[in-house]
Amino acid sequence: RTSAGNFVARGLFNNHSKILVRLYSWDE
C-alpha cells in the first residue's frame, strides 16, 4: 500500500531477503 493506504499490488513477503516483497498481482 501507499503511505496513504491505497492498494498498489499483491506480493509475497520475505523478511530474510533484501527484496522484502516480490510483487505478482496488481489486481486487488
mmCIF file of all heavy atoms, coordinates in Angstrom:
data_MODEL
# 
_entry.id   MODEL 
# 
loop_
_atom_site.group_PDB 
_atom_site.id 
_atom_site.type_symbol 
_atom_site.label_atom_id 
_atom_site.label_alt_id 
_atom_site.label_comp_id 
_atom_site.label_asym_id 
_atom_site.label_entity_id 
_atom_site.label_seq_id 
_atom_site.pdbx_PDB_ins_code 
_atom_site.Cartn_x 
_atom_site.Cartn_y 
_atom_site.Cartn_z 
_atom_site.occupancy 
_atom_site.B_iso_or_equiv 
_atom_site.pdbx_formal_charge 
_atom_site.auth_seq_id 
_atom_site.auth_comp_id 
_atom_site.auth_asym_id 
_atom_site.auth_atom_id 
_atom_site.pdbx_PDB_model_num 
ATOM 1   N N   . ARG A 1 1  ? 0.832  -1.198  0.000   1.00 0.00 ? 1  ARG A N   1 
ATOM 2   C CA  . ARG A 1 1  ? 0.000  0.000   0.000   1.00 0.00 ? 1  ARG A CA  1 
ATOM 3   C C   . ARG A 1 1  ? 0.873  1.257   0.000   1.00 0.00 ? 1  ARG A C   1 
ATOM 4   O O   . ARG A 1 1  ? 2.016  1.245   0.461   1.00 0.00 ? 1  ARG A O   1 
ATOM 5   C CB  . ARG A 1 1  ? -0.914 0.024   1.223   1.00 0.00 ? 1  ARG A CB  1 
ATOM 6   C CG  . ARG A 1 1  ? -1.899 -1.138  1.254   1.00 0.00 ? 1  ARG A CG  1 
ATOM 7   C CD  . ARG A 1 1  ? -2.925 -0.979  2.374   1.00 0.00 ? 1  ARG A CD  1 
ATOM 8   N NE  . ARG A 1 1  ? -3.833 -2.112  2.430   1.00 0.00 ? 1  ARG A NE  1 
ATOM 9   C CZ  . ARG A 1 1  ? -4.911 -2.272  1.666   1.00 0.00 ? 1  ARG A CZ  1 
ATOM 10  N NH1 . ARG A 1 1  ? -5.219 -1.342  0.767   1.00 0.00 ? 1  ARG A NH1 1 
ATOM 11  N NH2 . ARG A 1 1  ? -5.690 -3.336  1.786   1.00 0.00 ? 1  ARG A NH2 1 
ATOM 12  N N   . THR A 1 2  ? 0.320  2.339   -0.521  1.00 0.00 ? 2  THR A N   1 
ATOM 13  C CA  . THR A 1 2  ? 0.994  3.641   -0.464  1.00 0.00 ? 2  THR A CA  1 
ATOM 14  C C   . THR A 1 2  ? 0.975  4.152   0.978   1.00 0.00 ? 2  THR A C   1 
ATOM 15  O O   . THR A 1 2  ? 0.295  3.602   1.848   1.00 0.00 ? 2  THR A O   1 
ATOM 16  C CB  . THR A 1 2  ? 0.287  4.667   -1.351  1.00 0.00 ? 2  THR A CB  1 
ATOM 17  O OG1 . THR A 1 2  ? -1.008 4.936   -0.799  1.00 0.00 ? 2  THR A OG1 1 
ATOM 18  C CG2 . THR A 1 2  ? 0.149  4.159   -2.783  1.00 0.00 ? 2  THR A CG2 1 
ATOM 19  N N   . SER A 1 3  ? 1.688  5.235   1.216   1.00 0.00 ? 3  SER A N   1 
ATOM 20  C CA  . SER A 1 3  ? 1.706  5.838   2.551   1.00 0.00 ? 3  SER A CA  1 
ATOM 21  C C   . SER A 1 3  ? 0.317  6.319   2.956   1.00 0.00 ? 3  SER A C   1 
ATOM 22  O O   . SER A 1 3  ? 0.014  6.440   4.148   1.00 0.00 ? 3  SER A O   1 
ATOM 23  C CB  . SER A 1 3  ? 2.705  6.995   2.592   1.00 0.00 ? 3  SER A CB  1 
ATOM 24  O OG  . SER A 1 3  ? 2.377  7.972   1.610   1.00 0.00 ? 3  SER A OG  1 
ATOM 25  N N   . ALA A 1 4  ? -0.545 6.563   1.960   1.00 0.00 ? 4  ALA A N   1 
ATOM 26  C CA  . ALA A 1 4  ? -1.924 6.979   2.238   1.00 0.00 ? 4  ALA A CA  1 
ATOM 27  C C   . ALA A 1 4  ? -2.859 5.796   2.414   1.00 0.00 ? 4  ALA A C   1 
ATOM 28  O O   . ALA A 1 4  ? -4.063 5.972   2.661   1.00 0.00 ? 4  ALA A O   1 
ATOM 29  C CB  . ALA A 1 4  ? -2.434 7.882   1.116   1.00 0.00 ? 4  ALA A CB  1 
ATOM 30  N N   . GLY A 1 5  ? -2.339 4.590   2.257   1.00 0.00 ? 5  GLY A N   1 
ATOM 31  C CA  . GLY A 1 5  ? -3.152 3.397   2.463   1.00 0.00 ? 5  GLY A CA  1 
ATOM 32  C C   . GLY A 1 5  ? -3.805 2.843   1.214   1.00 0.00 ? 5  GLY A C   1 
ATOM 33  O O   . GLY A 1 5  ? -4.594 1.893   1.281   1.00 0.00 ? 5  GLY A O   1 
ATOM 34  N N   . ASN A 1 6  ? -3.491 3.380   0.041   1.00 0.00 ? 6  ASN A N   1 
ATOM 35  C CA  . ASN A 1 6  ? -4.100 2.908   -1.202  1.00 0.00 ? 6  ASN A CA  1 
ATOM 36  C C   . ASN A 1 6  ? -3.435 1.623   -1.694  1.00 0.00 ? 6  ASN A C   1 
ATOM 37  O O   . ASN A 1 6  ? -2.220 1.452   -1.570  1.00 0.00 ? 6  ASN A O   1 
ATOM 38  C CB  . ASN A 1 6  ? -3.999 3.983   -2.285  1.00 0.00 ? 6  ASN A CB  1 
ATOM 39  C CG  . ASN A 1 6  ? -4.748 5.243   -1.908  1.00 0.00 ? 6  ASN A CG  1 
ATOM 40  O OD1 . ASN A 1 6  ? -5.866 5.180   -1.388  1.00 0.00 ? 6  ASN A OD1 1 
ATOM 41  N ND2 . ASN A 1 6  ? -4.144 6.396   -2.143  1.00 0.00 ? 6  ASN A ND2 1 
ATOM 42  N N   . PHE A 1 7  ? -4.228 0.763   -2.296  1.00 0.00 ? 7  PHE A N   1 
ATOM 43  C CA  . PHE A 1 7  ? -3.724 -0.510  -2.825  1.00 0.00 ? 7  PHE A CA  1 
ATOM 44  C C   . PHE A 1 7  ? -2.748 -0.281  -3.979  1.00 0.00 ? 7  PHE A C   1 
ATOM 45  O O   . PHE A 1 7  ? -3.001 0.540   -4.863  1.00 0.00 ? 7  PHE A O   1 
ATOM 46  C CB  . PHE A 1 7  ? -4.892 -1.374  -3.305  1.00 0.00 ? 7  PHE A CB  1 
ATOM 47  C CG  . PHE A 1 7  ? -4.464 -2.642  -4.004  1.00 0.00 ? 7  PHE A CG  1 
ATOM 48  C CD1 . PHE A 1 7  ? -4.160 -3.780  -3.282  1.00 0.00 ? 7  PHE A CD1 1 
ATOM 49  C CD2 . PHE A 1 7  ? -4.356 -2.680  -5.392  1.00 0.00 ? 7  PHE A CD2 1 
ATOM 50  C CE1 . PHE A 1 7  ? -3.756 -4.940  -3.929  1.00 0.00 ? 7  PHE A CE1 1 
ATOM 51  C CE2 . PHE A 1 7  ? -3.960 -3.838  -6.045  1.00 0.00 ? 7  PHE A CE2 1 
ATOM 52  C CZ  . PHE A 1 7  ? -3.658 -4.974  -5.306  1.00 0.00 ? 7  PHE A CZ  1 
ATOM 53  N N   . VAL A 1 8  ? -1.648 -1.009  -3.968  1.00 0.00 ? 8  VAL A N   1 
ATOM 54  C CA  . VAL A 1 8  ? -0.698 -0.997  -5.088  1.00 0.00 ? 8  VAL A CA  1 
ATOM 55  C C   . VAL A 1 8  ? -0.655 -2.366  -5.746  1.00 0.00 ? 8  VAL A C   1 
ATOM 56  O O   . VAL A 1 8  ? -0.870 -2.493  -6.952  1.00 0.00 ? 8  VAL A O   1 
ATOM 57  C CB  . VAL A 1 8  ? 0.719  -0.587  -4.629  1.00 0.00 ? 8  VAL A CB  1 
ATOM 58  C CG1 . VAL A 1 8  ? 1.677  -0.588  -5.831  1.00 0.00 ? 8  VAL A CG1 1 
ATOM 59  C CG2 . VAL A 1 8  ? 0.714  0.775   -3.971  1.00 0.00 ? 8  VAL A CG2 1 
ATOM 60  N N   . ALA A 1 9  ? -0.366 -3.404  -4.974  1.00 0.00 ? 9  ALA A N   1 
ATOM 61  C CA  . ALA A 1 9  ? -0.183 -4.732  -5.561  1.00 0.00 ? 9  ALA A CA  1 
ATOM 62  C C   . ALA A 1 9  ? -0.214 -5.789  -4.468  1.00 0.00 ? 9  ALA A C   1 
ATOM 63  O O   . ALA A 1 9  ? -0.141 -5.496  -3.269  1.00 0.00 ? 9  ALA A O   1 
ATOM 64  C CB  . ALA A 1 9  ? 1.139  -4.795  -6.325  1.00 0.00 ? 9  ALA A CB  1 
ATOM 65  N N   . ARG A 1 10 ? -0.295 -7.039  -4.914  1.00 0.00 ? 10 ARG A N   1 
ATOM 66  C CA  . ARG A 1 10 ? -0.174 -8.186  -4.013  1.00 0.00 ? 10 ARG A CA  1 
ATOM 67  C C   . ARG A 1 10 ? 1.184  -8.843  -4.238  1.00 0.00 ? 10 ARG A C   1 
ATOM 68  O O   . ARG A 1 10 ? 1.647  -8.960  -5.381  1.00 0.00 ? 10 ARG A O   1 
ATOM 69  C CB  . ARG A 1 10 ? -1.279 -9.208  -4.263  1.00 0.00 ? 10 ARG A CB  1 
ATOM 70  C CG  . ARG A 1 10 ? -2.669 -8.755  -3.822  1.00 0.00 ? 10 ARG A CG  1 
ATOM 71  C CD  . ARG A 1 10 ? -3.712 -9.816  -4.111  1.00 0.00 ? 10 ARG A CD  1 
ATOM 72  N NE  . ARG A 1 10 ? -5.034 -9.420  -3.635  1.00 0.00 ? 10 ARG A NE  1 
ATOM 73  C CZ  . ARG A 1 10 ? -5.507 -9.708  -2.427  1.00 0.00 ? 10 ARG A CZ  1 
ATOM 74  N NH1 . ARG A 1 10 ? -4.758 -10.411 -1.577  1.00 0.00 ? 10 ARG A NH1 1 
ATOM 75  N NH2 . ARG A 1 10 ? -6.720 -9.325  -2.058  1.00 0.00 ? 10 ARG A NH2 1 
ATOM 76  N N   . GLY A 1 11 ? 1.805  -9.270  -3.144  1.00 0.00 ? 11 GLY A N   1 
ATOM 77  C CA  . GLY A 1 11 ? 3.108  -9.893  -3.267  1.00 0.00 ? 11 GLY A CA  1 
ATOM 78  C C   . GLY A 1 11 ? 3.360  -10.908 -2.181  1.00 0.00 ? 11 GLY A C   1 
ATOM 79  O O   . GLY A 1 11 ? 2.483  -11.192 -1.359  1.00 0.00 ? 11 GLY A O   1 
ATOM 80  N N   . LEU A 1 12 ? 4.573  -11.462 -2.190  1.00 0.00 ? 12 LEU A N   1 
ATOM 81  C CA  . LEU A 1 12 ? 4.990  -12.441 -1.190  1.00 0.00 ? 12 LEU A CA  1 
ATOM 82  C C   . LEU A 1 12 ? 6.118  -11.843 -0.361  1.00 0.00 ? 12 LEU A C   1 
ATOM 83  O O   . LEU A 1 12 ? 7.078  -11.286 -0.907  1.00 0.00 ? 12 LEU A O   1 
ATOM 84  C CB  . LEU A 1 12 ? 5.433  -13.744 -1.868  1.00 0.00 ? 12 LEU A CB  1 
ATOM 85  C CG  . LEU A 1 12 ? 4.344  -14.446 -2.698  1.00 0.00 ? 12 LEU A CG  1 
ATOM 86  C CD1 . LEU A 1 12 ? 4.909  -15.711 -3.344  1.00 0.00 ? 12 LEU A CD1 1 
ATOM 87  C CD2 . LEU A 1 12 ? 3.115  -14.769 -1.856  1.00 0.00 ? 12 LEU A CD2 1 
ATOM 88  N N   . PHE A 1 13 ? 5.999  -11.986 0.933   1.00 0.00 ? 13 PHE A N   1 
ATOM 89  C CA  . PHE A 1 13 ? 6.860  -11.341 1.922   1.00 0.00 ? 13 PHE A CA  1 
ATOM 90  C C   . PHE A 1 13 ? 8.044  -12.239 2.275   1.00 0.00 ? 13 PHE A C   1 
ATOM 91  O O   . PHE A 1 13 ? 7.912  -13.450 2.378   1.00 0.00 ? 13 PHE A O   1 
ATOM 92  C CB  . PHE A 1 13 ? 6.021  -11.054 3.168   1.00 0.00 ? 13 PHE A CB  1 
ATOM 93  C CG  . PHE A 1 13 ? 6.724  -10.324 4.271   1.00 0.00 ? 13 PHE A CG  1 
ATOM 94  C CD1 . PHE A 1 13 ? 6.832  -8.941  4.244   1.00 0.00 ? 13 PHE A CD1 1 
ATOM 95  C CD2 . PHE A 1 13 ? 7.260  -11.005 5.358   1.00 0.00 ? 13 PHE A CD2 1 
ATOM 96  C CE1 . PHE A 1 13 ? 7.456  -8.247  5.271   1.00 0.00 ? 13 PHE A CE1 1 
ATOM 97  C CE2 . PHE A 1 13 ? 7.884  -10.329 6.393   1.00 0.00 ? 13 PHE A CE2 1 
ATOM 98  C CZ  . PHE A 1 13 ? 7.989  -8.949  6.356   1.00 0.00 ? 13 PHE A CZ  1 
ATOM 99  N N   . ASN A 1 14 ? 9.205  -11.610 2.479   1.00 0.00 ? 14 ASN A N   1 
ATOM 100 C CA  . ASN A 1 14 ? 10.373 -12.355 2.969   1.00 0.00 ? 14 ASN A CA  1 
ATOM 101 C C   . ASN A 1 14 ? 11.290 -11.403 3.724   1.00 0.00 ? 14 ASN A C   1 
ATOM 102 O O   . ASN A 1 14 ? 12.072 -10.670 3.129   1.00 0.00 ? 14 ASN A O   1 
ATOM 103 C CB  . ASN A 1 14 ? 11.131 -13.027 1.817   1.00 0.00 ? 14 ASN A CB  1 
ATOM 104 C CG  . ASN A 1 14 ? 12.248 -13.931 2.316   1.00 0.00 ? 14 ASN A CG  1 
ATOM 105 O OD1 . ASN A 1 14 ? 12.456 -14.078 3.521   1.00 0.00 ? 14 ASN A OD1 1 
ATOM 106 N ND2 . ASN A 1 14 ? 12.960 -14.550 1.394   1.00 0.00 ? 14 ASN A ND2 1 
ATOM 107 N N   . ASN A 1 15 ? 11.196 -11.439 5.026   1.00 0.00 ? 15 ASN A N   1 
ATOM 108 C CA  . ASN A 1 15 ? 11.991 -10.544 5.868   1.00 0.00 ? 15 ASN A CA  1 
ATOM 109 C C   . ASN A 1 15 ? 13.469 -10.918 5.849   1.00 0.00 ? 15 ASN A C   1 
ATOM 110 O O   . ASN A 1 15 ? 14.323 -10.116 6.224   1.00 0.00 ? 15 ASN A O   1 
ATOM 111 C CB  . ASN A 1 15 ? 11.460 -10.582 7.306   1.00 0.00 ? 15 ASN A CB  1 
ATOM 112 C CG  . ASN A 1 15 ? 12.001 -9.460  8.155   1.00 0.00 ? 15 ASN A CG  1 
ATOM 113 O OD1 . ASN A 1 15 ? 11.923 -8.298  7.776   1.00 0.00 ? 15 ASN A OD1 1 
ATOM 114 N ND2 . ASN A 1 15 ? 12.575 -9.801  9.299   1.00 0.00 ? 15 ASN A ND2 1 
ATOM 115 N N   . HIS A 1 16 ? 13.786 -12.130 5.376   1.00 0.00 ? 16 HIS A N   1 
ATOM 116 C CA  . HIS A 1 16 ? 15.182 -12.587 5.332   1.00 0.00 ? 16 HIS A CA  1 
ATOM 117 C C   . HIS A 1 16 ? 15.928 -11.999 4.134   1.00 0.00 ? 16 HIS A C   1 
ATOM 118 O O   . HIS A 1 16 ? 17.145 -11.898 4.146   1.00 0.00 ? 16 HIS A O   1 
ATOM 119 C CB  . HIS A 1 16 ? 15.211 -14.122 5.262   1.00 0.00 ? 16 HIS A CB  1 
ATOM 120 C CG  . HIS A 1 16 ? 16.573 -14.706 5.371   1.00 0.00 ? 16 HIS A CG  1 
ATOM 121 N ND1 . HIS A 1 16 ? 17.123 -15.104 6.574   1.00 0.00 ? 16 HIS A ND1 1 
ATOM 122 C CD2 . HIS A 1 16 ? 17.519 -14.944 4.430   1.00 0.00 ? 16 HIS A CD2 1 
ATOM 123 C CE1 . HIS A 1 16 ? 18.345 -15.571 6.359   1.00 0.00 ? 16 HIS A CE1 1 
ATOM 124 N NE2 . HIS A 1 16 ? 18.601 -15.490 5.072   1.00 0.00 ? 16 HIS A NE2 1 
ATOM 125 N N   . SER A 1 17 ? 15.171 -11.617 3.102   1.00 0.00 ? 17 SER A N   1 
ATOM 126 C CA  . SER A 1 17 ? 15.757 -11.194 1.831   1.00 0.00 ? 17 SER A CA  1 
ATOM 127 C C   . SER A 1 17 ? 15.889 -9.680  1.750   1.00 0.00 ? 17 SER A C   1 
ATOM 128 O O   . SER A 1 17 ? 15.138 -8.928  2.377   1.00 0.00 ? 17 SER A O   1 
ATOM 129 C CB  . SER A 1 17 ? 14.884 -11.690 0.675   1.00 0.00 ? 17 SER A CB  1 
ATOM 130 O OG  . SER A 1 17 ? 15.326 -11.186 -0.563  1.00 0.00 ? 17 SER A OG  1 
ATOM 131 N N   . LYS A 1 18 ? 16.857 -9.217  0.927   1.00 0.00 ? 18 LYS A N   1 
ATOM 132 C CA  . LYS A 1 18 ? 16.951 -7.789  0.636   1.00 0.00 ? 18 LYS A CA  1 
ATOM 133 C C   . LYS A 1 18 ? 15.710 -7.317  -0.104  1.00 0.00 ? 18 LYS A C   1 
ATOM 134 O O   . LYS A 1 18 ? 15.305 -6.157  0.006   1.00 0.00 ? 18 LYS A O   1 
ATOM 135 C CB  . LYS A 1 18 ? 18.201 -7.501  -0.193  1.00 0.00 ? 18 LYS A CB  1 
ATOM 136 C CG  . LYS A 1 18 ? 19.511 -7.673  0.573   1.00 0.00 ? 18 LYS A CG  1 
ATOM 137 C CD  . LYS A 1 18 ? 20.698 -7.343  -0.310  1.00 0.00 ? 18 LYS A CD  1 
ATOM 138 C CE  . LYS A 1 18 ? 22.006 -7.501  0.445   1.00 0.00 ? 18 LYS A CE  1 
ATOM 139 N NZ  . LYS A 1 18 ? 23.184 -7.222  -0.421  1.00 0.00 ? 18 LYS A NZ  1 
ATOM 140 N N   . ILE A 1 19 ? 15.111 -8.209  -0.889  1.00 0.00 ? 19 ILE A N   1 
ATOM 141 C CA  . ILE A 1 19 ? 13.833 -7.909  -1.541  1.00 0.00 ? 19 ILE A CA  1 
ATOM 142 C C   . ILE A 1 19 ? 12.742 -8.299  -0.554  1.00 0.00 ? 19 ILE A C   1 
ATOM 143 O O   . ILE A 1 19 ? 12.387 -9.466  -0.428  1.00 0.00 ? 19 ILE A O   1 
ATOM 144 C CB  . ILE A 1 19 ? 13.682 -8.671  -2.871  1.00 0.00 ? 19 ILE A CB  1 
ATOM 145 C CG1 . ILE A 1 19 ? 14.842 -8.341  -3.824  1.00 0.00 ? 19 ILE A CG1 1 
ATOM 146 C CG2 . ILE A 1 19 ? 12.347 -8.319  -3.534  1.00 0.00 ? 19 ILE A CG2 1 
ATOM 147 C CD1 . ILE A 1 19 ? 14.833 -9.155  -5.103  1.00 0.00 ? 19 ILE A CD1 1 
ATOM 148 N N   . LEU A 1 20 ? 12.226 -7.314  0.167   1.00 0.00 ? 20 LEU A N   1 
ATOM 149 C CA  . LEU A 1 20 ? 11.279 -7.591  1.242   1.00 0.00 ? 20 LEU A CA  1 
ATOM 150 C C   . LEU A 1 20 ? 9.978  -8.171  0.704   1.00 0.00 ? 20 LEU A C   1 
ATOM 151 O O   . LEU A 1 20 ? 9.386  -9.076  1.305   1.00 0.00 ? 20 LEU A O   1 
ATOM 152 C CB  . LEU A 1 20 ? 10.994 -6.307  2.021   1.00 0.00 ? 20 LEU A CB  1 
ATOM 153 C CG  . LEU A 1 20 ? 10.165 -6.465  3.296   1.00 0.00 ? 20 LEU A CG  1 
ATOM 154 C CD1 . LEU A 1 20 ? 10.928 -7.265  4.347   1.00 0.00 ? 20 LEU A CD1 1 
ATOM 155 C CD2 . LEU A 1 20 ? 9.775  -5.092  3.860   1.00 0.00 ? 20 LEU A CD2 1 
ATOM 156 N N   . VAL A 1 21 ? 9.517  -7.653  -0.449  1.00 0.00 ? 21 VAL A N   1 
ATOM 157 C CA  . VAL A 1 21 ? 8.291  -8.149  -1.080  1.00 0.00 ? 21 VAL A CA  1 
ATOM 158 C C   . VAL A 1 21 ? 8.540  -8.302  -2.576  1.00 0.00 ? 21 VAL A C   1 
ATOM 159 O O   . VAL A 1 21 ? 9.085  -7.398  -3.217  1.00 0.00 ? 21 VAL A O   1 
ATOM 160 C CB  . VAL A 1 21 ? 7.099  -7.183  -0.864  1.00 0.00 ? 21 VAL A CB  1 
ATOM 161 C CG1 . VAL A 1 21 ? 5.825  -7.778  -1.457  1.00 0.00 ? 21 VAL A CG1 1 
ATOM 162 C CG2 . VAL A 1 21 ? 6.916  -6.865  0.613   1.00 0.00 ? 21 VAL A CG2 1 
ATOM 163 N N   . ARG A 1 22 ? 8.150  -9.442  -3.116  1.00 0.00 ? 22 ARG A N   1 
ATOM 164 C CA  . ARG A 1 22 ? 8.130  -9.640  -4.570  1.00 0.00 ? 22 ARG A CA  1 
ATOM 165 C C   . ARG A 1 22 ? 6.672  -9.533  -5.016  1.00 0.00 ? 22 ARG A C   1 
ATOM 166 O O   . ARG A 1 22 ? 5.799  -10.227 -4.469  1.00 0.00 ? 22 ARG A O   1 
ATOM 167 C CB  . ARG A 1 22 ? 8.713  -10.995 -4.961  1.00 0.00 ? 22 ARG A CB  1 
ATOM 168 C CG  . ARG A 1 22 ? 10.217 -11.097 -4.719  1.00 0.00 ? 22 ARG A CG  1 
ATOM 169 C CD  . ARG A 1 22 ? 10.712 -12.493 -5.069  1.00 0.00 ? 22 ARG A CD  1 
ATOM 170 N NE  . ARG A 1 22 ? 12.106 -12.680 -4.688  1.00 0.00 ? 22 ARG A NE  1 
ATOM 171 C CZ  . ARG A 1 22 ? 13.137 -12.620 -5.525  1.00 0.00 ? 22 ARG A CZ  1 
ATOM 172 N NH1 . ARG A 1 22 ? 12.923 -12.359 -6.810  1.00 0.00 ? 22 ARG A NH1 1 
ATOM 173 N NH2 . ARG A 1 22 ? 14.364 -12.806 -5.101  1.00 0.00 ? 22 ARG A NH2 1 
ATOM 174 N N   . LEU A 1 23 ? 6.418  -8.716  -6.017  1.00 0.00 ? 23 LEU A N   1 
ATOM 175 C CA  . LEU A 1 23 ? 5.053  -8.430  -6.449  1.00 0.00 ? 23 LEU A CA  1 
ATOM 176 C C   . LEU A 1 23 ? 4.651  -9.312  -7.635  1.00 0.00 ? 23 LEU A C   1 
ATOM 177 O O   . LEU A 1 23 ? 5.454  -9.575  -8.536  1.00 0.00 ? 23 LEU A O   1 
ATOM 178 C CB  . LEU A 1 23 ? 4.928  -6.957  -6.840  1.00 0.00 ? 23 LEU A CB  1 
ATOM 179 C CG  . LEU A 1 23 ? 5.288  -5.945  -5.742  1.00 0.00 ? 23 LEU A CG  1 
ATOM 180 C CD1 . LEU A 1 23 ? 5.184  -4.533  -6.278  1.00 0.00 ? 23 LEU A CD1 1 
ATOM 181 C CD2 . LEU A 1 23 ? 4.422  -6.137  -4.509  1.00 0.00 ? 23 LEU A CD2 1 
ATOM 182 N N   . TYR A 1 24 ? 3.361  -9.717  -7.621  1.00 0.00 ? 24 TYR A N   1 
ATOM 183 C CA  . TYR A 1 24 ? 2.863  -10.612 -8.668  1.00 0.00 ? 24 TYR A CA  1 
ATOM 184 C C   . TYR A 1 24 ? 1.518  -10.162 -9.251  1.00 0.00 ? 24 TYR A C   1 
ATOM 185 O O   . TYR A 1 24 ? 1.250  -10.399 -10.418 1.00 0.00 ? 24 TYR A O   1 
ATOM 186 C CB  . TYR A 1 24 ? 2.708  -12.032 -8.110  1.00 0.00 ? 24 TYR A CB  1 
ATOM 187 C CG  . TYR A 1 24 ? 4.015  -12.625 -7.634  1.00 0.00 ? 24 TYR A CG  1 
ATOM 188 C CD1 . TYR A 1 24 ? 4.407  -12.525 -6.307  1.00 0.00 ? 24 TYR A CD1 1 
ATOM 189 C CD2 . TYR A 1 24 ? 4.878  -13.259 -8.522  1.00 0.00 ? 24 TYR A CD2 1 
ATOM 190 C CE1 . TYR A 1 24 ? 5.606  -13.045 -5.870  1.00 0.00 ? 24 TYR A CE1 1 
ATOM 191 C CE2 . TYR A 1 24 ? 6.089  -13.793 -8.097  1.00 0.00 ? 24 TYR A CE2 1 
ATOM 192 C CZ  . TYR A 1 24 ? 6.451  -13.670 -6.762  1.00 0.00 ? 24 TYR A CZ  1 
ATOM 193 O OH  . TYR A 1 24 ? 7.654  -14.181 -6.343  1.00 0.00 ? 24 TYR A OH  1 
ATOM 194 N N   . SER A 1 25 ? 0.672  -9.548  -8.451  1.00 0.00 ? 25 SER A N   1 
ATOM 195 C CA  . SER A 1 25 ? -0.666 -9.173  -8.929  1.00 0.00 ? 25 SER A CA  1 
ATOM 196 C C   . SER A 1 25 ? -0.945 -7.716  -8.619  1.00 0.00 ? 25 SER A C   1 
ATOM 197 O O   . SER A 1 25 ? -0.774 -7.271  -7.477  1.00 0.00 ? 25 SER A O   1 
ATOM 198 C CB  . SER A 1 25 ? -1.730 -10.051 -8.250  1.00 0.00 ? 25 SER A CB  1 
ATOM 199 O OG  . SER A 1 25 ? -3.027 -9.580  -8.562  1.00 0.00 ? 25 SER A OG  1 
ATOM 200 N N   . TRP A 1 26 ? -1.403 -6.980  -9.642  1.00 0.00 ? 26 TRP A N   1 
ATOM 201 C CA  . TRP A 1 26 ? -1.775 -5.572  -9.466  1.00 0.00 ? 26 TRP A CA  1 
ATOM 202 C C   . TRP A 1 26 ? -3.296 -5.414  -9.466  1.00 0.00 ? 26 TRP A C   1 
ATOM 203 O O   . TRP A 1 26 ? -3.817 -4.329  -9.637  1.00 0.00 ? 26 TRP A O   1 
ATOM 204 C CB  . TRP A 1 26 ? -1.116 -4.729  -10.551 1.00 0.00 ? 26 TRP A CB  1 
ATOM 205 C CG  . TRP A 1 26 ? 0.327  -4.481  -10.255 1.00 0.00 ? 26 TRP A CG  1 
ATOM 206 C CD1 . TRP A 1 26 ? 0.876  -3.355  -9.689  1.00 0.00 ? 26 TRP A CD1 1 
ATOM 207 C CD2 . TRP A 1 26 ? 1.430  -5.379  -10.445 1.00 0.00 ? 26 TRP A CD2 1 
ATOM 208 N NE1 . TRP A 1 26 ? 2.229  -3.505  -9.523  1.00 0.00 ? 26 TRP A NE1 1 
ATOM 209 C CE2 . TRP A 1 26 ? 2.616  -4.735  -9.978  1.00 0.00 ? 26 TRP A CE2 1 
ATOM 210 C CE3 . TRP A 1 26 ? 1.545  -6.673  -10.945 1.00 0.00 ? 26 TRP A CE3 1 
ATOM 211 C CZ2 . TRP A 1 26 ? 3.857  -5.338  -10.015 1.00 0.00 ? 26 TRP A CZ2 1 
ATOM 212 C CZ3 . TRP A 1 26 ? 2.795  -7.278  -10.975 1.00 0.00 ? 26 TRP A CZ3 1 
ATOM 213 C CH2 . TRP A 1 26 ? 3.932  -6.619  -10.514 1.00 0.00 ? 26 TRP A CH2 1 
ATOM 214 N N   . ASP A 1 27 ? -3.977 -6.522  -9.262  1.00 0.00 ? 27 ASP A N   1 
ATOM 215 C CA  . ASP A 1 27 ? -5.445 -6.543  -9.187  1.00 0.00 ? 27 ASP A CA  1 
ATOM 216 C C   . ASP A 1 27 ? -5.837 -6.913  -7.758  1.00 0.00 ? 27 ASP A C   1 
ATOM 217 O O   . ASP A 1 27 ? -5.581 -8.038  -7.306  1.00 0.00 ? 27 ASP A O   1 
ATOM 218 C CB  . ASP A 1 27 ? -5.998 -7.560  -10.183 1.00 0.00 ? 27 ASP A CB  1 
ATOM 219 C CG  . ASP A 1 27 ? -7.515 -7.547  -10.278 1.00 0.00 ? 27 ASP A CG  1 
ATOM 220 O OD1 . ASP A 1 27 ? -8.159 -7.044  -9.328  1.00 0.00 ? 27 ASP A OD1 1 
ATOM 221 O OD2 . ASP A 1 27 ? -8.053 -8.057  -11.273 1.00 0.00 ? 27 ASP A OD2 1 
ATOM 222 N N   . GLU A 1 28 ? -6.454 -5.979  -7.056  1.00 0.00 ? 28 GLU A N   1 
ATOM 223 C CA  . GLU A 1 28 ? -6.800 -6.215  -5.647  1.00 0.00 ? 28 GLU A CA  1 
ATOM 224 C C   . GLU A 1 28 ? -7.751 -7.394  -5.496  1.00 0.00 ? 28 GLU A C   1 
ATOM 225 O O   . GLU A 1 28 ? -7.764 -8.070  -4.464  1.00 0.00 ? 28 GLU A O   1 
ATOM 226 C CB  . GLU A 1 28 ? -7.426 -4.953  -5.045  1.00 0.00 ? 28 GLU A CB  1 
ATOM 227 C CG  . GLU A 1 28 ? -7.553 -5.003  -3.531  1.00 0.00 ? 28 GLU A CG  1 
ATOM 228 C CD  . GLU A 1 28 ? -7.917 -3.653  -2.936  1.00 0.00 ? 28 GLU A CD  1 
ATOM 229 O OE1 . GLU A 1 28 ? -8.186 -2.698  -3.707  1.00 0.00 ? 28 GLU A OE1 1 
ATOM 230 O OE2 . GLU A 1 28 ? -7.916 -3.551  -1.692  1.00 0.00 ? 28 GLU A OE2 1 
# 
